[in-house]
Amino acid sequence: MIKKLIGTIALSLTCAVSVAAEGGYPLEKAPVRINDMASLQNGAKLFVNYCLGCHSAKSLRYNRLTDIGLTEEQIKRNLLFTGEGVGDLMEIAMRPEDAKKWFGAAPPDLSVIARAKSHNLGPTGVDYVYTFLRTFYRDNSRPLGWDNLVFPSVGMPHPLWALQGPRSMERNTVALVDQADGTQQWQRTITRFDPQGFKDVKTEVLQGYTGSASDKVTFTPVDAKAAAQFDNQVADLANFLGWMAEPVQLERKRLGVWVLLFLFLFFGVAWRLNAVYWKDVK
């Protein structure tokens, strides 16, 4: 039994690591803003303006956004653009067959994407979304002109590129490479994509190298201020997707505190009753 338990824990940890490093790139911790109503409202605005054109959220109705402090009038005025009603589901007009033709596959519904990408022992789905949206880079060799470090060969363009602004990406990789004569040699490969997506690769053999394998990525934005503002916007959007995956989570957590307090008080009362009941029993 103990061996099985240890094996289960080990398997869970292995899965957690694989989630944390999907695509060979580690997920970054997203700022936690689930209790920040202004952040969630901004995330909702970004989702409707930049994501809802291709990705639906069929498990959520627009009027549920009142839970994050928006009024129905604000929802109508700022988030409904094509004749939807406040009580309608967040659906899209794009037909699945058209999506498959244009992108190769229909974009997934994002209602519970933050839960689907979460793991109990690893990064959360909010961390996944946060890192995913911050690791797009221009690559002219790709059909849509973009690629992503978290999801290599992603079948979508960068949805927020206009907010982020142009930037270059450099990946410095040190690895042990097999040679033609059957030996192995340490080799450094520097791959650089400029802001327009043009690629340049340089490789060198590391004679006498005694270190270990490494993989470092550096992004250099053209406008550092715009890039910093973009990171803040992405944090809001990622946290909104985390809220959308479970809109009742704030209430669940508040209720959980009261339940624990009740159980603590009930334990005290039960303990005293037990002592009184058995005090005369020898």
Protein backbone atom coordinates (compact mmCIF):
# COMPACT_ATOMS: atom_id res chain seq x y z
CA MET A 1 0.00 0.00 0.00
CA ILE A 2 2.80 2.42 0.95
CA LYS A 3 4.68 1.62 -2.26
CA LYS A 4 1.55 2.33 -4.30
CA LEU A 5 1.06 5.63 -2.49
CA ILE A 6 4.68 6.67 -3.11
CA GLY A 7 4.34 5.67 -6.76
CA THR A 8 1.18 7.75 -7.12
CA ILE A 9 2.83 10.79 -5.58
CA ALA A 10 5.86 10.39 -7.83
CA LEU A 11 3.64 10.12 -10.91
CA SER A 12 1.74 13.24 -9.87
CA LEU A 13 4.97 15.18 -9.42
CA THR A 14 6.14 14.02 -12.84
CA CYS A 15 2.89 15.25 -14.40
CA ALA A 16 3.25 18.56 -12.59
CA VAL A 17 6.71 19.05 -14.04
CA SER A 18 5.49 18.23 -17.55
CA VAL A 19 2.71 20.81 -17.24
CA ALA A 20 5.18 23.38 -15.94
CA ALA A 21 7.49 22.88 -18.90
CA GLU A 22 5.11 22.29 -21.81
CA GLY A 23 6.89 23.08 -25.04
CA GLY A 24 10.20 23.07 -23.19
CA TYR A 25 9.56 26.51 -21.68
CA PRO A 26 8.90 26.94 -17.93
CA LEU A 27 5.70 28.67 -16.92
CA GLU A 28 5.97 31.96 -15.08
CA LYS A 29 3.91 32.81 -12.00
CA ALA A 30 1.10 35.19 -12.86
CA PRO A 31 0.26 38.05 -10.47
CA VAL A 32 -2.72 36.96 -8.34
CA ARG A 33 -5.58 39.42 -8.89
CA ILE A 34 -8.64 37.22 -8.45
CA ASN A 35 -9.96 39.56 -5.73
CA ASP A 36 -9.28 42.73 -7.72
CA MET A 37 -12.58 43.75 -9.33
CA ALA A 38 -10.97 46.47 -11.48
CA SER A 39 -8.47 43.93 -12.81
CA LEU A 40 -11.20 41.40 -13.60
CA GLN A 41 -13.28 44.07 -15.35
CA ASN A 42 -10.31 45.05 -17.50
CA GLY A 43 -9.70 41.37 -18.21
CA ALA A 44 -13.32 41.01 -19.34
CA LYS A 45 -12.91 43.99 -21.68
CA LEU A 46 -9.73 42.52 -23.16
CA PHE A 47 -11.35 39.11 -23.58
CA VAL A 48 -14.37 40.50 -25.42
CA ASN A 49 -12.26 42.79 -27.64
CA TYR A 50 -9.34 40.50 -28.47
CA CYS A 51 -10.39 36.88 -27.85
CA LEU A 52 -14.13 36.57 -28.39
CA GLY A 53 -13.85 37.06 -32.14
CA CYS A 54 -12.42 33.53 -32.53
CA HIS A 55 -12.82 31.84 -29.13
CA SER A 56 -16.22 31.34 -27.55
CA ALA A 57 -17.02 31.02 -23.85
CA LYS A 58 -20.26 29.07 -24.03
CA SER A 59 -20.39 28.25 -20.33
CA LEU A 60 -20.76 31.91 -19.33
CA ARG A 61 -23.55 34.40 -19.90
CA TYR A 62 -22.83 38.10 -20.20
CA ASN A 63 -24.99 38.93 -17.20
CA ARG A 64 -22.69 36.83 -15.00
CA LEU A 65 -20.22 39.68 -15.31
CA THR A 66 -22.30 41.50 -12.72
CA ASP A 67 -20.45 39.27 -10.22
CA ILE A 68 -17.27 41.26 -10.91
CA GLY A 69 -18.95 44.62 -10.32
CA LEU A 70 -20.34 45.50 -13.76
CA THR A 71 -23.92 46.64 -14.15
CA GLU A 72 -26.13 45.32 -16.93
CA GLU A 73 -26.10 48.79 -18.48
CA GLN A 74 -22.28 48.80 -18.52
CA ILE A 75 -22.29 45.36 -20.11
CA LYS A 76 -24.72 46.50 -22.83
CA ARG A 77 -22.81 49.70 -23.55
CA ASN A 78 -19.26 48.37 -23.47
CA LEU A 79 -19.26 44.62 -24.14
CA LEU A 80 -22.13 43.88 -26.55
CA PHE A 81 -21.40 44.84 -30.14
CA THR A 82 -23.39 42.58 -32.49
CA GLY A 83 -26.92 42.51 -31.11
CA GLU A 84 -26.46 40.01 -28.26
CA GLY A 85 -28.61 40.18 -25.17
CA VAL A 86 -27.28 40.51 -21.65
CA GLY A 87 -28.61 37.05 -20.86
CA ASP A 88 -26.99 35.40 -23.90
CA LEU A 89 -24.07 33.00 -23.79
CA MET A 90 -20.67 34.22 -24.98
CA GLU A 91 -20.77 32.63 -28.41
CA ILE A 92 -19.13 33.64 -31.70
CA ALA A 93 -20.40 34.06 -35.24
CA MET A 94 -17.54 32.18 -36.87
CA ARG A 95 -18.62 28.76 -38.10
CA PRO A 96 -16.50 25.72 -37.14
CA GLU A 97 -16.01 24.74 -40.79
CA ASP A 98 -14.69 28.21 -41.64
CA ALA A 99 -12.38 28.14 -38.62
CA LYS A 100 -10.96 24.80 -39.67
CA LYS A 101 -10.39 26.10 -43.19
CA TRP A 102 -8.63 29.28 -42.01
CA PHE A 103 -6.66 27.98 -39.03
CA GLY A 104 -6.47 24.23 -39.60
CA ALA A 105 -8.67 23.56 -36.56
CA ALA A 106 -11.53 25.31 -34.81
CA PRO A 107 -10.28 27.56 -31.97
CA PRO A 108 -11.20 25.95 -28.61
CA ASP A 109 -13.85 27.30 -26.30
CA LEU A 110 -12.12 29.16 -23.46
CA SER A 111 -14.78 28.82 -20.75
CA VAL A 112 -12.70 26.48 -18.60
CA ILE A 113 -9.27 26.74 -20.23
CA ALA A 114 -7.73 27.94 -16.96
CA ARG A 115 -8.95 24.81 -15.19
CA ALA A 116 -7.99 22.53 -18.07
CA LYS A 117 -4.40 23.81 -17.93
CA SER A 118 -4.13 23.62 -14.13
CA HIS A 119 -2.51 20.92 -12.06
CA ASN A 120 -2.89 20.40 -8.32
CA LEU A 121 0.86 20.03 -7.78
CA GLY A 122 2.10 22.42 -10.45
CA PRO A 123 1.45 25.75 -12.15
CA THR A 124 -2.12 27.00 -12.43
CA GLY A 125 -4.02 27.55 -15.64
CA VAL A 126 -3.70 31.28 -15.00
CA ASP A 127 0.11 30.83 -15.05
CA TYR A 128 -0.23 28.95 -18.35
CA VAL A 129 -2.32 31.66 -20.00
CA TYR A 130 -0.07 34.42 -18.62
CA THR A 131 3.11 32.80 -19.95
CA PHE A 132 1.54 31.71 -23.24
CA LEU A 133 0.39 35.21 -24.16
CA ARG A 134 3.79 36.68 -23.26
CA THR A 135 5.89 34.27 -25.33
CA PHE A 136 4.71 34.93 -28.86
CA TYR A 137 7.39 35.98 -31.33
CA ARG A 138 7.46 36.84 -35.02
CA ASP A 139 8.57 34.02 -37.32
CA ASN A 140 8.16 34.55 -41.05
CA SER A 141 8.56 30.83 -41.74
CA ARG A 142 5.25 30.09 -40.01
CA PRO A 143 1.99 30.18 -42.02
CA LEU A 144 0.53 32.95 -39.85
CA GLY A 145 3.82 34.68 -39.16
CA TRP A 146 3.95 33.85 -35.45
CA ASP A 147 5.21 31.12 -33.14
CA ASN A 148 5.11 30.56 -29.39
CA LEU A 149 7.55 29.16 -26.83
CA VAL A 150 4.92 27.55 -24.60
CA PHE A 151 2.96 26.08 -27.53
CA PRO A 152 5.42 25.56 -30.43
CA SER A 153 3.90 25.68 -33.92
CA VAL A 154 0.75 27.24 -32.51
CA GLY A 155 -1.99 27.60 -35.10
CA MET A 156 -2.95 31.19 -34.29
CA PRO A 157 -1.43 34.66 -34.60
CA HIS A 158 -0.56 36.80 -31.60
CA PRO A 159 -3.95 38.29 -30.60
CA LEU A 160 -2.47 41.15 -28.56
CA TRP A 161 0.48 42.12 -30.77
CA ALA A 162 -0.77 45.69 -31.17
CA LEU A 163 -0.68 46.20 -27.40
CA GLN A 164 2.74 44.63 -26.92
CA GLY A 165 4.57 46.28 -29.77
CA PRO A 166 7.44 44.78 -31.84
CA ARG A 167 10.31 42.97 -30.14
CA SER A 168 13.15 40.61 -30.99
CA MET A 169 13.74 37.19 -29.47
CA GLU A 170 17.07 35.46 -28.86
CA ARG A 171 17.40 31.85 -27.71
CA ASN A 172 20.77 30.68 -26.43
CA THR A 173 20.93 26.89 -26.19
CA VAL A 174 23.85 24.76 -24.96
CA ALA A 175 23.44 21.04 -25.62
CA LEU A 176 25.42 17.84 -26.11
CA VAL A 177 25.18 17.04 -29.83
CA ASP A 178 25.96 13.73 -31.58
CA GLN A 179 28.80 13.95 -34.08
CA ALA A 180 29.28 12.02 -37.35
CA ASP A 181 32.06 9.89 -35.83
CA GLY A 182 29.79 8.66 -33.05
CA THR A 183 31.14 11.00 -30.36
CA GLN A 184 29.34 13.82 -28.62
CA GLN A 185 30.36 17.46 -28.45
CA TRP A 186 29.02 20.41 -26.50
CA GLN A 187 27.57 22.98 -28.84
CA ARG A 188 26.06 26.45 -28.42
CA THR A 189 23.29 27.55 -30.76
CA ILE A 190 22.09 31.16 -30.79
CA THR A 191 18.81 31.64 -32.65
CA ARG A 192 17.60 35.19 -33.13
CA PHE A 193 14.33 36.48 -34.58
CA ASP A 194 14.26 40.21 -35.29
CA PRO A 195 11.08 42.29 -34.77
CA GLN A 196 10.00 41.53 -38.36
CA GLY A 197 10.38 37.78 -37.89
CA PHE A 198 13.56 37.19 -39.87
CA LYS A 199 15.68 34.38 -38.44
CA ASP A 200 19.42 34.20 -37.88
CA VAL A 201 21.19 31.12 -36.45
CA LYS A 202 24.79 30.89 -35.23
CA THR A 203 26.40 27.69 -33.97
CA GLU A 204 29.74 27.12 -32.26
CA VAL A 205 31.48 24.09 -30.77
CA LEU A 206 32.46 24.51 -27.11
CA GLN A 207 35.87 22.92 -26.72
CA GLY A 208 36.64 21.86 -23.15
CA TYR A 209 33.21 22.86 -21.89
CA THR A 210 32.57 21.51 -18.37
CA GLY A 211 29.15 22.97 -17.67
CA SER A 212 25.70 21.56 -18.24
CA ALA A 213 22.92 21.91 -20.79
CA SER A 214 21.07 25.22 -20.73
CA ASP A 215 18.38 27.07 -22.60
CA LYS A 216 17.96 30.83 -22.13
CA VAL A 217 15.47 33.05 -23.92
CA THR A 218 15.73 36.84 -24.03
CA PHE A 219 13.09 39.20 -25.41
CA THR A 220 14.11 42.75 -26.33
CA PRO A 221 11.14 45.08 -26.92
CA VAL A 222 11.40 48.10 -29.17
CA ASP A 223 9.26 50.05 -26.67
CA ALA A 224 10.01 48.91 -23.11
CA LYS A 225 7.18 50.99 -21.62
CA ALA A 226 4.59 49.49 -23.95
CA ALA A 227 5.91 45.99 -23.15
CA ALA A 228 5.56 46.61 -19.40
CA GLN A 229 2.01 47.87 -19.84
CA PHE A 230 1.28 44.82 -21.97
CA ASP A 231 2.46 42.46 -19.22
CA ASN A 232 0.04 44.18 -16.83
CA GLN A 233 -2.81 43.80 -19.32
CA VAL A 234 -2.03 40.12 -19.82
CA ALA A 235 -2.09 39.58 -16.04
CA ASP A 236 -5.63 41.03 -15.97
CA LEU A 237 -6.75 38.87 -18.89
CA ALA A 238 -5.24 35.69 -17.41
CA ASN A 239 -6.91 36.31 -14.06
CA PHE A 240 -10.25 36.93 -15.77
CA LEU A 241 -9.95 33.57 -17.53
CA GLY A 242 -9.19 32.05 -14.13
CA TRP A 243 -12.34 33.64 -12.71
CA MET A 244 -14.41 32.63 -15.74
CA ALA A 245 -13.42 28.97 -15.29
CA GLU A 246 -15.12 29.03 -11.87
CA PRO A 247 -17.16 32.21 -11.25
CA VAL A 248 -18.27 31.00 -7.81
CA GLN A 249 -14.74 30.49 -6.51
CA LEU A 250 -14.69 33.73 -4.51
CA GLU A 251 -17.96 32.86 -2.80
CA ARG A 252 -16.76 29.28 -2.30
CA LYS A 253 -13.65 30.48 -0.53
CA ARG A 254 -15.58 32.93 1.65
CA LEU A 255 -18.07 30.21 2.56
CA GLY A 256 -15.22 27.79 3.26
CA VAL A 257 -13.82 30.09 5.95
CA TRP A 258 -17.18 30.17 7.75
CA VAL A 259 -17.53 26.39 7.45
CA LEU A 260 -14.11 25.87 9.04
CA LEU A 261 -14.97 28.27 11.85
CA PHE A 262 -18.25 26.41 12.47
CA LEU A 263 -16.48 23.05 12.54
CA PHE A 264 -13.88 24.42 14.97
CA LEU A 265 -16.59 25.71 17.34
CA PHE A 266 -18.61 22.51 16.96
CA PHE A 267 -15.54 20.46 17.84
CA GLY A 268 -15.13 22.47 21.06
CA VAL A 269 -18.78 21.98 22.02
CA ALA A 270 -18.67 18.26 21.17
CA TRP A 271 -15.46 17.81 23.17
CA ARG A 272 -17.03 19.42 26.25
CA LEU A 273 -20.23 17.38 25.89
CA ASN A 274 -18.19 14.22 25.63
CA ALA A 275 -16.27 15.12 28.79
CA VAL A 276 -19.50 15.83 30.73
CA TYR A 277 -21.18 12.65 29.50
CA TRP A 278 -18.30 10.34 30.53
CA LYS A 279 -17.15 12.06 33.71
CA ASP A 280 -19.04 9.68 36.04
CA VAL A 281 -18.22 6.56 34.06
CA LYS A 282 -15.42 4.57 35.68
